[in-house]
Amino acid sequence: MVSKFIGVKEFRQNISKYSTEALHKNIRFIILKKNVPILEVNPIDEKKYAYVRLSEELSTSEAQIKNGHFFTQEEVMREFNLL
């Protein structure tokens, strides 16, 4: 991945251009304010993001089950009028 440094004013004025470029050209932008890095813009890999979200949701679900917060299949089916 290539890294490029740009000023905050330039980034603010052209945020759409830089976000598109980051995504399509796999470029990481380091945003500077008075030559000090303040932000980093990275492209997101959709598959990795989906995996991270799924992992978080599964962890939450497992914790809920351990604490006894769950519904049986019969309860769910009754909720949706399937029984």
C-alpha atoms as a PDB file:
ATOM      1  CA  MET A   1       0.000   0.000   0.000  1.00  0.00           C
ATOM      2  CA  VAL A   2       1.261   3.444  -0.929  1.00  0.00           C
ATOM      3  CA  SER A   3       1.102   6.288   1.602  1.00  0.00           C
ATOM      4  CA  LYS A   4       0.609   9.917   0.645  1.00  0.00           C
ATOM      5  CA  PHE A   5       0.676  13.005   2.836  1.00  0.00           C
ATOM      6  CA  ILE A   6      -1.760  15.864   2.285  1.00  0.00           C
ATOM      7  CA  GLY A   7      -2.772  18.953   4.198  1.00  0.00           C
ATOM      8  CA  VAL A   8      -6.039  19.110   6.080  1.00  0.00           C
ATOM      9  CA  LYS A   9      -7.310  22.011   3.965  1.00  0.00           C
ATOM     10  CA  GLU A  10      -6.609  20.141   0.722  1.00  0.00           C
ATOM     11  CA  PHE A  11      -8.272  17.020   2.107  1.00  0.00           C
ATOM     12  CA  ARG A  12     -11.331  18.918   3.312  1.00  0.00           C
ATOM     13  CA  GLN A  13     -11.803  20.580  -0.073  1.00  0.00           C
ATOM     14  CA  ASN A  14     -11.428  17.308  -2.005  1.00  0.00           C
ATOM     15  CA  ILE A  15     -12.609  14.616   0.415  1.00  0.00           C
ATOM     16  CA  SER A  16     -14.657  12.796  -2.228  1.00  0.00           C
ATOM     17  CA  LYS A  17     -11.717  12.635  -4.617  1.00  0.00           C
ATOM     18  CA  TYR A  18      -9.346  11.311  -1.945  1.00  0.00           C
ATOM     19  CA  SER A  19     -11.767   8.741  -0.558  1.00  0.00           C
ATOM     20  CA  THR A  20     -12.402   7.371  -4.048  1.00  0.00           C
ATOM     21  CA  GLU A  21      -8.681   7.323  -4.815  1.00  0.00           C
ATOM     22  CA  ALA A  22      -7.925   5.530  -1.544  1.00  0.00           C
ATOM     23  CA  LEU A  23     -10.472   2.846  -2.345  1.00  0.00           C
ATOM     24  CA  HIS A  24      -9.687   2.265  -6.017  1.00  0.00           C
ATOM     25  CA  LYS A  25      -5.900   2.681  -5.944  1.00  0.00           C
ATOM     26  CA  ASN A  26      -5.264   1.188  -2.471  1.00  0.00           C
ATOM     27  CA  ILE A  27      -3.645   4.378  -1.163  1.00  0.00           C
ATOM     28  CA  ARG A  28      -3.354   5.401   2.471  1.00  0.00           C
ATOM     29  CA  PHE A  29      -3.599   9.139   3.058  1.00  0.00           C
ATOM     30  CA  ILE A  30      -1.999  10.753   6.086  1.00  0.00           C
ATOM     31  CA  ILE A  31      -3.684  14.082   6.790  1.00  0.00           C
ATOM     32  CA  LEU A  32      -1.423  16.798   8.188  1.00  0.00           C
ATOM     33  CA  LYS A  33      -2.209  19.946  10.134  1.00  0.00           C
ATOM     34  CA  LYS A  34       0.811  22.243  10.414  1.00  0.00           C
ATOM     35  CA  ASN A  35       2.985  19.285   9.323  1.00  0.00           C
ATOM     36  CA  VAL A  36       1.703  17.113  12.178  1.00  0.00           C
ATOM     37  CA  PRO A  37      -0.260  13.942  11.315  1.00  0.00           C
ATOM     38  CA  ILE A  38      -3.821  14.142  12.630  1.00  0.00           C
ATOM     39  CA  LEU A  39      -5.803  11.622  10.543  1.00  0.00           C
ATOM     40  CA  GLU A  40      -5.280   8.534   8.477  1.00  0.00           C
ATOM     41  CA  VAL A  41      -7.573   7.499   5.625  1.00  0.00           C
ATOM     42  CA  ASN A  42      -7.343   3.835   4.620  1.00  0.00           C
ATOM     43  CA  PRO A  43      -9.362   1.830   2.145  1.00  0.00           C
ATOM     44  CA  ILE A  44     -11.570  -0.793   3.800  1.00  0.00           C
ATOM     45  CA  ASP A  45     -11.444  -4.370   2.596  1.00  0.00           C
ATOM     46  CA  GLU A  46     -15.139  -5.311   2.554  1.00  0.00           C
ATOM     47  CA  LYS A  47     -14.482  -8.996   3.258  1.00  0.00           C
ATOM     48  CA  LYS A  48     -12.267  -8.255   6.269  1.00  0.00           C
ATOM     49  CA  TYR A  49     -14.774  -5.699   7.559  1.00  0.00           C
ATOM     50  CA  ALA A  50     -17.644  -8.174   7.223  1.00  0.00           C
ATOM     51  CA  TYR A  51     -15.595 -10.829   9.051  1.00  0.00           C
ATOM     52  CA  VAL A  52     -14.786  -8.424  11.908  1.00  0.00           C
ATOM     53  CA  ARG A  53     -18.435  -7.398  12.261  1.00  0.00           C
ATOM     54  CA  LEU A  54     -19.590 -11.023  12.209  1.00  0.00           C
ATOM     55  CA  SER A  55     -16.984 -11.967  14.826  1.00  0.00           C
ATOM     56  CA  GLU A  56     -18.163  -9.138  17.092  1.00  0.00           C
ATOM     57  CA  GLU A  57     -21.795 -10.134  16.707  1.00  0.00           C
ATOM     58  CA  LEU A  58     -21.016 -13.787  17.429  1.00  0.00           C
ATOM     59  CA  SER A  59     -19.086 -12.826  20.576  1.00  0.00           C
ATOM     60  CA  THR A  60     -22.033 -10.738  21.726  1.00  0.00           C
ATOM     61  CA  SER A  61     -24.441 -13.588  21.018  1.00  0.00           C
ATOM     62  CA  GLU A  62     -22.292 -16.091  22.900  1.00  0.00           C
ATOM     63  CA  ALA A  63     -22.177 -13.775  25.926  1.00  0.00           C
ATOM     64  CA  GLN A  64     -25.963 -13.374  25.825  1.00  0.00           C
ATOM     65  CA  ILE A  65     -26.449 -17.143  25.698  1.00  0.00           C
ATOM     66  CA  LYS A  66     -24.095 -17.621  28.675  1.00  0.00           C
ATOM     67  CA  ASN A  67     -26.154 -15.080  30.623  1.00  0.00           C
ATOM     68  CA  GLY A  68     -29.371 -16.914  29.781  1.00  0.00           C
ATOM     69  CA  HIS A  69     -30.697 -14.296  27.355  1.00  0.00           C
ATOM     70  CA  PHE A  70     -31.990 -16.305  24.423  1.00  0.00           C
ATOM     71  CA  PHE A  71     -35.206 -17.509  22.769  1.00  0.00           C
ATOM     72  CA  THR A  72     -36.140 -21.066  21.939  1.00  0.00           C
ATOM     73  CA  GLN A  73     -37.098 -22.007  18.400  1.00  0.00           C
ATOM     74  CA  GLU A  74     -40.702 -22.403  19.525  1.00  0.00           C
ATOM     75  CA  GLU A  75     -40.766 -18.882  21.022  1.00  0.00           C
ATOM     76  CA  VAL A  76     -39.398 -17.403  17.799  1.00  0.00           C
ATOM     77  CA  MET A  77     -41.896 -19.287  15.661  1.00  0.00           C
ATOM     78  CA  ARG A  78     -44.781 -18.098  17.862  1.00  0.00           C
ATOM     79  CA  GLU A  79     -43.503 -14.506  17.644  1.00  0.00           C
ATOM     80  CA  PHE A  80     -43.691 -14.676  13.857  1.00  0.00           C
ATOM     81  CA  ASN A  81     -47.011 -16.566  13.858  1.00  0.00           C
ATOM     82  CA  LEU A  82     -45.482 -19.676  12.353  1.00  0.00           C
ATOM     83  CA  LEU A  83     -47.071 -22.048  14.849  1.00  0.00           C
END
